[in-house]
Amino acid sequence: MQRHLLRRRALLASAGLAAAAPALAACGPDITSGDDSGESNILKAPDKREGEITIWDRSGDLFEVFEGVIADFNAVYPDIKVNHVAVDIDAKLQNTLITGADVPDGVFLDDAKIGGYTDYLWDLSEVLAPYAGDIAQQKIDVNTVDGAIYGVPYDLNPGLLFYNATALEAAGVDAAAIETYDDLLEAARQYKAAVPDAGPIHLEQSAFLGQLQLEMYANQLGTSIADADGQLRLDSPEYLRILEFLDTVRTEGLGTRAEYLTPTDVAEMDNGNQVFYPWAIWFSFAPQQMLTETSGDWRAMPLPAWDADGARSGAMGGSSFVLPKDGANADLAWLFYEFLMFDEVGYTAVWGPNDTYPTGLNTSIPAYEPAADPAAPLFEPVEALGGQDLWAVATEAGAQIPGGTPTPSWWDGAVDYLGNDIQRMLDGDMTPEEVIDSSTEQIQTNLVDRQ
């Protein structure tokens, strides 16, 4: 669990590579081959079933999970040797793709970074076609650029509302009554009336994570910072509504301002002051690993809806597998990822009980909908959530996530403007309208127009 925590926090804190991606795409060598139709850029299923592939993954818990599936893969494909390598992908991938030397056949990559590498990746539309109709639409959308799909979707990270059920019950607050964000505000007011020192709702203090959470809320409302063509659309009623909600939490004293799972954040949860945490499913390791006083008291439900009958979840982060065009056996690497994500033996080995996660990998759910069957859980109930069936909650929420758009290559760069302006608003120095006006102007001028 500690390895998982460190990997997640390192992954989310890294911003340099994606910020550099526009330069990579703009000035990297032209490795496209074939005619102008683009047909040569479309990966084909291999005719052969033998050879050697090199797969890059980050070191840590998921590396160990994927490593454990290789024997199952070789039971089906005994003549494909898998060289599974732990790599600092953010440090190595850019130069490797530019030089074209020792390029791996497959790479685990954040969805937010795929848009910056499309010139170097195979279009997977043809090999994914048999499965695309059964993949969460949001994951197809974030991997699609100009009509081509560049990633094999891995995880779905539905937003959930985590809450301290024990503390709420003691304060006489009915968590089951929370269906909308207005209901959440009312529940927070009730809790604060009972516990005056409380700041019931988490307010994220990291500029990067605050922007990522904002995009979760926006996805719920069917929008995102950029449209499918990469054009900025921050100036909208949806973003204003989200920022006004956050500003209300601040102005009414209903929030705890802290950076995700820092000592202050953990302490405010363990002392009962912070009892509502709207976050991705991967928050679930906090009660399993970080909370010492309130582990077992927390539960999860789908996010509140912005409007009655609205979507009860939005995506927050995610990763996929990409196949570089200069990989010697990328077509064979496709067979590995096909097995991993779309074969029942493969995805059961990933999310089910294994040596790394004895009760199953419970910090995400599969993006492949047949694997995310609410009636066929892959991981077990979570003891630190009071034995709750998190699988049922997460798959219900995941099914409600609206579609999306590719993450623009300038997204990380926008943190210098939007992420920081959100923090200024939470400091009381900007209004929601000023955040939108200032961030829109700076992102458009300094990022979008310079591409």
Protein backbone atom coordinates (compact mmCIF):
# COMPACT_ATOMS: atom_id res chain seq x y z
CA MET A 1 0.00 0.00 0.00
CA GLN A 2 2.83 2.39 0.80
CA ARG A 3 4.34 1.70 -2.64
CA HIS A 4 0.99 2.50 -4.18
CA LEU A 5 0.68 5.75 -2.24
CA LEU A 6 4.14 6.90 -3.25
CA ARG A 7 3.53 5.99 -6.89
CA ARG A 8 0.24 7.86 -7.02
CA ARG A 9 1.61 10.98 -5.40
CA ALA A 10 4.72 10.97 -7.60
CA LEU A 11 2.59 10.44 -10.69
CA LEU A 12 0.27 13.31 -9.84
CA ALA A 13 3.04 15.66 -8.80
CA SER A 14 5.00 15.29 -12.03
CA ALA A 15 4.31 18.06 -14.51
CA GLY A 16 7.47 18.57 -16.53
CA LEU A 17 7.03 16.05 -19.34
CA ALA A 18 3.51 16.97 -20.33
CA ALA A 19 4.44 20.62 -20.29
CA ALA A 20 7.27 19.81 -22.68
CA ALA A 21 5.10 17.69 -24.95
CA PRO A 22 4.18 20.51 -27.40
CA ALA A 23 7.88 21.03 -28.09
CA LEU A 24 8.36 17.30 -28.59
CA ALA A 25 5.53 17.11 -31.09
CA ALA A 26 6.62 20.25 -32.87
CA CYS A 27 10.36 19.70 -33.25
CA GLY A 28 10.83 15.93 -33.01
CA PRO A 29 11.95 14.02 -36.10
CA ASP A 30 9.34 12.93 -38.63
CA ILE A 31 9.10 9.17 -38.21
CA THR A 32 5.82 8.81 -40.09
CA SER A 33 6.09 6.52 -43.08
CA GLY A 34 3.82 5.43 -45.87
CA ASP A 35 1.35 7.28 -48.07
CA ASP A 36 -0.69 10.34 -47.17
CA SER A 37 -3.80 8.29 -46.39
CA GLY A 38 -2.42 7.50 -42.94
CA GLU A 39 -3.19 3.82 -43.47
CA SER A 40 0.38 2.90 -42.54
CA ASN A 41 -0.12 4.51 -39.12
CA ILE A 42 -2.88 2.05 -38.20
CA LEU A 43 -1.65 -0.93 -36.23
CA LYS A 44 -2.65 -4.31 -37.62
CA ALA A 45 -3.10 -7.50 -35.65
CA PRO A 46 0.05 -9.61 -36.10
CA ASP A 47 0.23 -12.55 -38.47
CA LYS A 48 2.85 -14.21 -36.29
CA ARG A 49 2.58 -15.22 -32.65
CA GLU A 50 6.24 -15.42 -31.75
CA GLY A 51 8.99 -12.99 -30.93
CA GLU A 52 10.22 -10.75 -28.15
CA ILE A 53 8.64 -7.60 -26.73
CA THR A 54 9.87 -4.91 -24.38
CA ILE A 55 7.26 -3.40 -22.08
CA TRP A 56 7.90 -0.28 -20.00
CA ASP A 57 6.09 0.24 -16.71
CA ARG A 58 6.81 2.40 -13.70
CA SER A 59 8.38 0.68 -10.73
CA GLY A 60 6.06 0.03 -7.81
CA ASP A 61 2.85 -1.79 -7.13
CA LEU A 62 1.41 -1.90 -10.64
CA PHE A 63 4.71 -3.11 -12.06
CA GLU A 64 4.46 -6.06 -9.68
CA VAL A 65 0.81 -6.64 -10.61
CA PHE A 66 1.53 -6.66 -14.36
CA GLU A 67 4.62 -8.80 -13.79
CA GLY A 68 2.38 -11.39 -12.16
CA VAL A 69 0.21 -11.66 -15.29
CA ILE A 70 3.07 -12.54 -17.65
CA ALA A 71 2.94 -16.25 -16.79
CA ASP A 72 -0.79 -16.31 -17.63
CA PHE A 73 -0.06 -14.53 -20.91
CA ASN A 74 2.63 -17.04 -21.80
CA ALA A 75 0.21 -19.87 -21.16
CA VAL A 76 -1.70 -18.52 -24.16
CA TYR A 77 1.28 -17.18 -26.14
CA PRO A 78 4.22 -19.42 -25.19
CA ASP A 79 6.43 -18.15 -28.02
CA ILE A 80 6.33 -14.45 -27.06
CA LYS A 81 9.02 -13.46 -24.59
CA VAL A 82 8.13 -10.45 -22.44
CA ASN A 83 10.95 -8.21 -21.27
CA HIS A 84 9.20 -6.26 -18.52
CA VAL A 85 11.28 -3.25 -17.51
CA ALA A 86 10.79 -0.80 -14.65
CA VAL A 87 11.51 2.66 -16.07
CA ASP A 88 11.24 6.30 -15.06
CA ILE A 89 8.93 6.91 -18.00
CA ASP A 90 8.67 10.67 -17.49
CA ALA A 91 12.46 10.98 -17.62
CA LYS A 92 13.17 8.59 -20.52
CA LEU A 93 10.25 8.45 -22.93
CA GLN A 94 10.66 11.84 -24.59
CA ASN A 95 14.29 11.40 -25.62
CA THR A 96 13.73 7.78 -26.57
CA LEU A 97 10.96 8.68 -29.00
CA ILE A 98 12.92 11.59 -30.45
CA THR A 99 16.08 9.56 -31.09
CA GLY A 100 14.25 6.41 -32.15
CA ALA A 101 16.87 4.30 -30.34
CA ASP A 102 15.90 1.33 -28.15
CA VAL A 103 12.22 2.23 -28.38
CA PRO A 104 10.01 -0.10 -26.31
CA ASP A 105 7.10 -1.94 -27.86
CA GLY A 106 4.58 -0.80 -25.22
CA VAL A 107 4.47 1.90 -22.54
CA PHE A 108 2.22 2.65 -19.57
CA LEU A 109 1.32 6.35 -19.86
CA ASP A 110 -0.92 8.91 -18.18
CA ASP A 111 -3.98 9.78 -20.28
CA ALA A 112 -3.10 13.46 -19.81
CA LYS A 113 0.17 12.96 -21.72
CA ILE A 114 -0.98 10.92 -24.70
CA GLY A 115 -2.02 13.96 -26.75
CA GLY A 116 1.56 15.23 -26.80
CA TYR A 117 2.96 12.02 -28.33
CA THR A 118 0.54 11.09 -31.09
CA ASP A 119 3.10 11.65 -33.89
CA TYR A 120 5.12 8.80 -32.37
CA LEU A 121 2.34 6.31 -31.62
CA TRP A 122 0.34 3.74 -33.54
CA ASP A 123 -3.32 4.41 -34.25
CA LEU A 124 -5.06 1.49 -32.50
CA SER A 125 -8.51 2.00 -34.02
CA GLU A 126 -8.46 -1.26 -35.97
CA VAL A 127 -7.24 -3.60 -33.25
CA LEU A 128 -9.51 -1.97 -30.65
CA ALA A 129 -12.59 -2.12 -32.89
CA PRO A 130 -13.91 -5.44 -31.48
CA TYR A 131 -13.82 -3.98 -27.96
CA ALA A 132 -14.46 -0.26 -28.40
CA GLY A 133 -18.22 -0.51 -27.94
CA ASP A 134 -17.66 -2.05 -24.51
CA ILE A 135 -15.09 0.45 -23.24
CA ALA A 136 -16.15 3.38 -21.08
CA GLN A 137 -16.81 6.25 -23.48
CA GLN A 138 -14.75 8.70 -21.43
CA LYS A 139 -11.66 6.52 -21.92
CA ILE A 140 -12.20 6.22 -25.65
CA ASP A 141 -12.65 9.98 -25.88
CA VAL A 142 -9.51 10.94 -23.95
CA ASN A 143 -7.45 8.59 -26.13
CA THR A 144 -8.88 9.85 -29.44
CA VAL A 145 -7.11 12.61 -31.36
CA ASP A 146 -8.31 13.60 -34.85
CA GLY A 147 -10.37 10.43 -35.09
CA ALA A 148 -7.52 8.06 -34.18
CA ILE A 149 -7.29 6.10 -30.90
CA TYR A 150 -3.79 6.10 -29.45
CA GLY A 151 -4.15 4.27 -26.13
CA VAL A 152 -5.38 0.90 -24.89
CA PRO A 153 -7.57 2.04 -21.97
CA TYR A 154 -6.47 0.72 -18.61
CA ASP A 155 -8.29 2.10 -15.59
CA LEU A 156 -11.40 4.09 -14.88
CA ASN A 157 -11.07 6.45 -11.91
CA PRO A 158 -14.62 7.43 -10.94
CA GLY A 159 -15.06 10.33 -8.56
CA LEU A 160 -16.74 9.32 -5.29
CA LEU A 161 -17.80 11.11 -2.12
CA PHE A 162 -15.91 9.57 0.78
CA TYR A 163 -17.44 10.40 4.17
CA ASN A 164 -16.91 9.62 7.84
CA ALA A 165 -20.11 7.72 8.57
CA THR A 166 -19.40 7.37 12.29
CA ALA A 167 -18.81 11.08 12.81
CA LEU A 168 -21.85 12.09 10.78
CA GLU A 169 -24.11 9.69 12.66
CA ALA A 170 -22.87 11.03 16.00
CA ALA A 171 -23.67 14.57 14.81
CA GLY A 172 -27.15 13.58 13.61
CA VAL A 173 -26.36 14.14 9.91
CA ASP A 174 -28.01 11.75 7.45
CA ALA A 175 -25.47 10.97 4.74
CA ALA A 176 -28.11 9.08 2.75
CA ALA A 177 -29.92 12.37 2.15
CA ILE A 178 -27.01 13.74 0.08
CA GLU A 179 -27.98 13.55 -3.58
CA THR A 180 -26.89 16.96 -4.92
CA TYR A 181 -24.15 19.45 -4.13
CA ASP A 182 -26.76 21.66 -2.47
CA ASP A 183 -27.50 18.70 -0.20
CA LEU A 184 -23.78 18.38 0.53
CA LEU A 185 -23.58 22.03 1.55
CA GLU A 186 -26.58 21.59 3.84
CA ALA A 187 -25.08 18.45 5.41
CA ALA A 188 -21.82 20.35 5.99
CA ARG A 189 -23.73 23.19 7.66
CA GLN A 190 -25.49 20.71 9.94
CA TYR A 191 -22.21 19.05 10.86
CA LYS A 192 -20.50 22.35 11.59
CA ALA A 193 -23.40 23.37 13.81
CA ALA A 194 -22.79 20.22 15.84
CA VAL A 195 -18.98 20.39 15.66
CA PRO A 196 -18.09 24.12 15.56
CA ASP A 197 -14.37 23.61 14.92
CA ALA A 198 -15.03 21.45 11.87
CA GLY A 199 -14.28 22.25 8.25
CA PRO A 200 -16.34 19.36 6.91
CA ILE A 201 -15.50 19.45 3.16
CA HIS A 202 -12.00 18.98 1.77
CA LEU A 203 -10.60 22.00 -0.11
CA GLU A 204 -7.49 21.01 -2.04
CA GLN A 205 -4.45 23.21 -1.45
CA SER A 206 -2.23 21.83 -4.22
CA ALA A 207 -2.55 23.86 -7.42
CA PHE A 208 -2.06 20.74 -9.56
CA LEU A 209 -4.48 18.51 -7.68
CA GLY A 210 -6.98 21.33 -7.30
CA GLN A 211 -7.08 21.70 -11.06
CA LEU A 212 -7.39 17.93 -11.48
CA GLN A 213 -10.32 17.88 -9.06
CA LEU A 214 -11.89 20.80 -10.92
CA GLU A 215 -11.78 18.70 -14.09
CA MET A 216 -13.54 15.87 -12.25
CA TYR A 217 -16.38 18.24 -11.41
CA ALA A 218 -16.40 19.58 -14.97
CA ASN A 219 -16.55 16.07 -16.44
CA GLN A 220 -19.65 15.49 -14.33
CA LEU A 221 -21.22 18.47 -16.09
CA GLY A 222 -20.21 17.16 -19.52
CA THR A 223 -17.41 19.63 -20.19
CA SER A 224 -13.65 20.04 -19.81
CA ILE A 225 -11.02 22.73 -20.06
CA ALA A 226 -10.64 22.14 -23.83
CA ASP A 227 -12.92 20.82 -26.54
CA ALA A 228 -12.12 17.95 -28.89
CA ASP A 229 -10.04 20.31 -31.05
CA GLY A 230 -7.97 21.52 -28.10
CA GLN A 231 -9.65 24.91 -27.95
CA LEU A 232 -10.03 26.50 -24.53
CA ARG A 233 -13.57 26.59 -23.10
CA LEU A 234 -13.02 27.54 -19.48
CA ASP A 235 -15.26 30.60 -19.77
CA SER A 236 -18.56 28.79 -19.32
CA PRO A 237 -21.55 28.57 -16.95
CA GLU A 238 -20.38 25.11 -15.86
CA TYR A 239 -16.98 26.24 -14.62
CA LEU A 240 -18.48 29.30 -12.96
CA ARG A 241 -20.91 27.05 -11.11
CA ILE A 242 -18.15 24.80 -9.82
CA LEU A 243 -15.99 27.70 -8.69
CA GLU A 244 -18.96 29.30 -6.95
CA PHE A 245 -19.55 26.05 -5.06
CA LEU A 246 -15.93 25.97 -3.90
CA ASP A 247 -16.08 29.64 -2.97
CA THR A 248 -19.24 29.01 -0.93
CA VAL A 249 -17.46 26.27 0.99
CA ARG A 250 -14.68 28.76 1.73
CA THR A 251 -16.79 31.78 2.63
CA GLU A 252 -19.10 29.82 4.96
CA GLY A 253 -16.20 28.13 6.73
CA LEU A 254 -17.33 24.70 5.57
CA GLY A 255 -13.95 23.51 4.30
CA THR A 256 -10.61 22.22 5.48
CA ARG A 257 -7.85 23.66 3.31
CA ALA A 258 -5.06 21.11 3.03
CA GLU A 259 -2.94 19.34 0.46
CA TYR A 260 -3.99 15.79 -0.32
CA LEU A 261 -2.84 13.35 2.38
CA THR A 262 -0.25 15.62 3.93
CA PRO A 263 0.03 15.37 7.73
CA THR A 264 -2.42 18.26 8.23
CA ASP A 265 -4.96 16.66 5.90
CA VAL A 266 -4.69 13.29 7.64
CA ALA A 267 -4.89 14.86 11.10
CA GLU A 268 -8.05 16.79 10.23
CA MET A 269 -9.69 13.59 9.06
CA ASP A 270 -8.56 11.59 12.07
CA ASN A 271 -9.81 14.23 14.55
CA GLY A 272 -13.26 14.35 12.97
CA ASN A 273 -13.06 17.89 11.60
CA GLN A 274 -12.90 16.92 7.92
CA VAL A 275 -15.62 14.40 7.12
CA PHE A 276 -16.42 14.81 3.39
CA TYR A 277 -13.82 14.09 0.71
CA PRO A 278 -14.94 14.34 -2.96
CA TRP A 279 -12.13 12.54 -4.79
CA ALA A 280 -11.25 9.73 -7.17
CA ILE A 281 -11.61 6.10 -6.08
CA TRP A 282 -7.89 5.98 -5.30
CA PHE A 283 -8.59 7.91 -2.09
CA SER A 284 -9.65 4.49 -0.79
CA PHE A 285 -6.09 3.68 0.27
CA ALA A 286 -6.21 6.58 2.80
CA PRO A 287 -8.36 4.69 5.32
CA GLN A 288 -6.43 1.52 4.50
CA GLN A 289 -3.00 3.02 5.01
CA MET A 290 -2.97 6.59 6.32
CA LEU A 291 -5.78 7.01 8.84
CA THR A 292 -5.01 5.57 12.26
CA GLU A 293 -7.92 6.87 14.34
CA THR A 294 -10.82 6.73 11.86
CA SER A 295 -9.99 3.76 9.66
CA GLY A 296 -13.17 1.71 9.48
CA ASP A 297 -15.36 4.79 9.98
CA TRP A 298 -15.27 5.94 6.37
CA ARG A 299 -17.61 4.93 3.53
CA ALA A 300 -18.00 5.86 -0.13
CA MET A 301 -20.97 6.89 -2.24
CA PRO A 302 -21.28 8.28 -5.77
CA LEU A 303 -20.55 11.99 -6.00
CA PRO A 304 -23.50 14.31 -5.47
CA ALA A 305 -25.12 15.48 -8.72
CA TRP A 306 -25.04 19.10 -9.78
CA ASP A 307 -28.72 18.85 -10.69
CA ALA A 308 -31.38 16.35 -9.74
CA ASP A 309 -30.98 13.27 -11.94
CA GLY A 310 -27.58 14.51 -13.14
CA ALA A 311 -24.45 12.36 -13.42
CA ARG A 312 -23.21 11.12 -10.03
CA SER A 313 -19.57 10.80 -11.06
CA GLY A 314 -16.79 12.26 -13.15
CA ALA A 315 -13.35 10.95 -14.11
CA MET A 316 -10.30 12.13 -12.15
CA GLY A 317 -7.06 11.04 -13.77
CA GLY A 318 -6.32 7.75 -15.51
CA SER A 319 -3.76 5.85 -17.56
CA SER A 320 -3.55 3.76 -20.73
CA PHE A 321 -1.03 1.72 -22.71
CA VAL A 322 0.53 3.14 -25.87
CA LEU A 323 2.44 1.42 -28.68
CA PRO A 324 5.31 3.47 -30.18
CA LYS A 325 5.65 3.20 -33.96
CA ASP A 326 9.39 2.58 -33.67
CA GLY A 327 8.89 -0.41 -31.39
CA ALA A 328 10.24 -3.46 -33.21
CA ASN A 329 7.30 -5.70 -32.22
CA ALA A 330 4.52 -3.32 -31.28
CA ASP A 331 1.98 -5.65 -32.89
CA LEU A 332 3.00 -8.41 -30.48
CA ALA A 333 2.81 -5.94 -27.59
CA TRP A 334 -0.80 -5.37 -28.62
CA LEU A 335 -1.45 -9.06 -27.92
CA PHE A 336 -0.06 -8.58 -24.41
CA TYR A 337 -2.31 -5.60 -23.72
CA GLU A 338 -5.29 -7.31 -25.34
CA PHE A 339 -4.82 -10.19 -22.93
CA LEU A 340 -4.25 -7.90 -19.96
CA MET A 341 -7.34 -5.75 -20.46
CA PHE A 342 -9.89 -7.76 -22.46
CA ASP A 343 -9.32 -11.40 -21.55
CA GLU A 344 -11.09 -12.54 -18.38
CA VAL A 345 -8.00 -14.33 -17.14
CA GLY A 346 -5.91 -11.21 -17.69
CA TYR A 347 -8.10 -8.58 -16.09
CA THR A 348 -8.99 -10.89 -13.21
CA ALA A 349 -5.29 -11.28 -12.48
CA VAL A 350 -4.87 -7.47 -12.52
CA TRP A 351 -7.80 -6.47 -10.29
CA GLY A 352 -8.44 -9.68 -8.41
CA PRO A 353 -6.54 -10.96 -5.36
CA ASN A 354 -2.84 -11.33 -6.12
CA ASP A 355 0.52 -11.34 -4.38
CA THR A 356 0.67 -7.53 -4.33
CA TYR A 357 -2.95 -6.95 -3.32
CA PRO A 358 -4.22 -9.97 -1.38
CA THR A 359 -7.83 -8.71 -1.46
CA GLY A 360 -7.58 -7.24 -4.96
CA LEU A 361 -6.58 -3.91 -6.51
CA ASN A 362 -9.27 -1.59 -5.09
CA THR A 363 -7.97 1.83 -6.14
CA SER A 364 -9.47 1.78 -9.64
CA ILE A 365 -11.88 -0.23 -11.74
CA PRO A 366 -11.43 -1.55 -15.30
CA ALA A 367 -12.31 0.71 -18.23
CA TYR A 368 -13.59 -2.39 -20.07
CA GLU A 369 -17.24 -2.61 -19.09
CA PRO A 370 -17.62 -6.43 -19.17
CA ALA A 371 -14.78 -6.53 -16.63
CA ALA A 372 -16.51 -3.85 -14.51
CA ASP A 373 -19.63 -5.96 -13.96
CA PRO A 374 -21.32 -4.82 -10.71
CA ALA A 375 -22.50 -8.37 -10.13
CA ALA A 376 -19.05 -9.93 -10.53
CA PRO A 377 -16.63 -8.08 -8.24
CA LEU A 378 -12.93 -8.49 -8.93
CA PHE A 379 -11.77 -7.14 -5.57
CA GLU A 380 -13.15 -7.92 -2.13
CA PRO A 381 -15.04 -5.62 0.27
CA VAL A 382 -12.73 -3.10 1.94
CA GLU A 383 -12.30 -3.69 5.65
CA ALA A 384 -11.04 -0.12 6.23
CA LEU A 385 -14.34 1.12 4.77
CA GLY A 386 -16.28 -0.88 7.33
CA GLY A 387 -16.41 -3.90 5.04
CA GLN A 388 -18.21 -1.88 2.37
CA ASP A 389 -18.57 -3.33 -1.12
CA LEU A 390 -16.56 -0.57 -2.83
CA TRP A 391 -16.72 -2.48 -6.13
CA ALA A 392 -20.50 -2.03 -6.31
CA VAL A 393 -20.30 1.67 -5.46
CA ALA A 394 -17.48 2.37 -7.91
CA THR A 395 -18.95 0.47 -10.86
CA GLU A 396 -22.30 2.18 -10.34
CA ALA A 397 -20.56 5.56 -10.32
CA GLY A 398 -18.29 4.67 -13.24
CA ALA A 399 -21.27 3.83 -15.43
CA GLN A 400 -22.49 7.41 -15.01
CA ILE A 401 -19.30 9.18 -16.10
CA PRO A 402 -20.04 11.34 -19.16
CA GLY A 403 -17.83 11.16 -22.24
CA GLY A 404 -14.83 13.43 -22.53
CA THR A 405 -12.21 14.91 -24.82
CA PRO A 406 -8.45 14.41 -25.21
CA THR A 407 -6.45 16.15 -22.52
CA PRO A 408 -4.66 19.05 -24.26
CA SER A 409 -0.89 18.88 -24.26
CA TRP A 410 -0.82 22.24 -22.45
CA TRP A 411 -2.90 21.01 -19.49
CA ASP A 412 -0.01 20.86 -17.02
CA GLY A 413 1.13 24.31 -18.08
CA ALA A 414 -2.33 25.63 -17.24
CA VAL A 415 -1.67 24.86 -13.57
CA ASP A 416 0.53 27.98 -13.48
CA TYR A 417 -2.59 29.98 -14.25
CA LEU A 418 -5.83 28.15 -13.46
CA GLY A 419 -4.47 25.96 -10.66
CA ASN A 420 -2.81 28.93 -8.98
CA ASP A 421 -5.83 31.19 -9.48
CA ILE A 422 -8.08 28.63 -7.78
CA GLN A 423 -5.75 28.82 -4.79
CA ARG A 424 -5.94 32.61 -4.82
CA MET A 425 -9.72 32.33 -4.77
CA LEU A 426 -9.52 29.99 -1.79
CA ASP A 427 -7.24 32.57 -0.17
CA GLY A 428 -10.06 35.09 -0.61
CA ASP A 429 -8.07 37.17 -3.10
CA MET A 430 -10.08 36.44 -6.26
CA THR A 431 -13.73 35.90 -7.15
CA PRO A 432 -14.87 32.97 -9.31
CA GLU A 433 -15.44 35.39 -12.19
CA GLU A 434 -11.92 36.77 -11.83
CA VAL A 435 -10.47 33.26 -11.85
CA ILE A 436 -12.17 32.51 -15.15
CA ASP A 437 -11.26 35.85 -16.76
CA SER A 438 -7.63 35.81 -15.63
CA SER A 439 -6.98 32.13 -16.35
CA THR A 440 -8.70 32.23 -19.74
CA GLU A 441 -6.61 35.17 -20.91
CA GLN A 442 -3.32 33.74 -19.67
CA ILE A 443 -3.87 30.18 -20.90
CA GLN A 444 -5.01 31.39 -24.30
CA THR A 445 -2.10 33.81 -24.70
CA ASN A 446 0.73 31.81 -23.15
CA LEU A 447 -0.24 28.25 -24.04
CA VAL A 448 -2.92 27.80 -26.71
CA ASP A 449 -1.77 30.56 -29.08
CA ARG A 450 1.85 29.42 -28.88
CA GLN A 451 1.23 25.90 -30.11
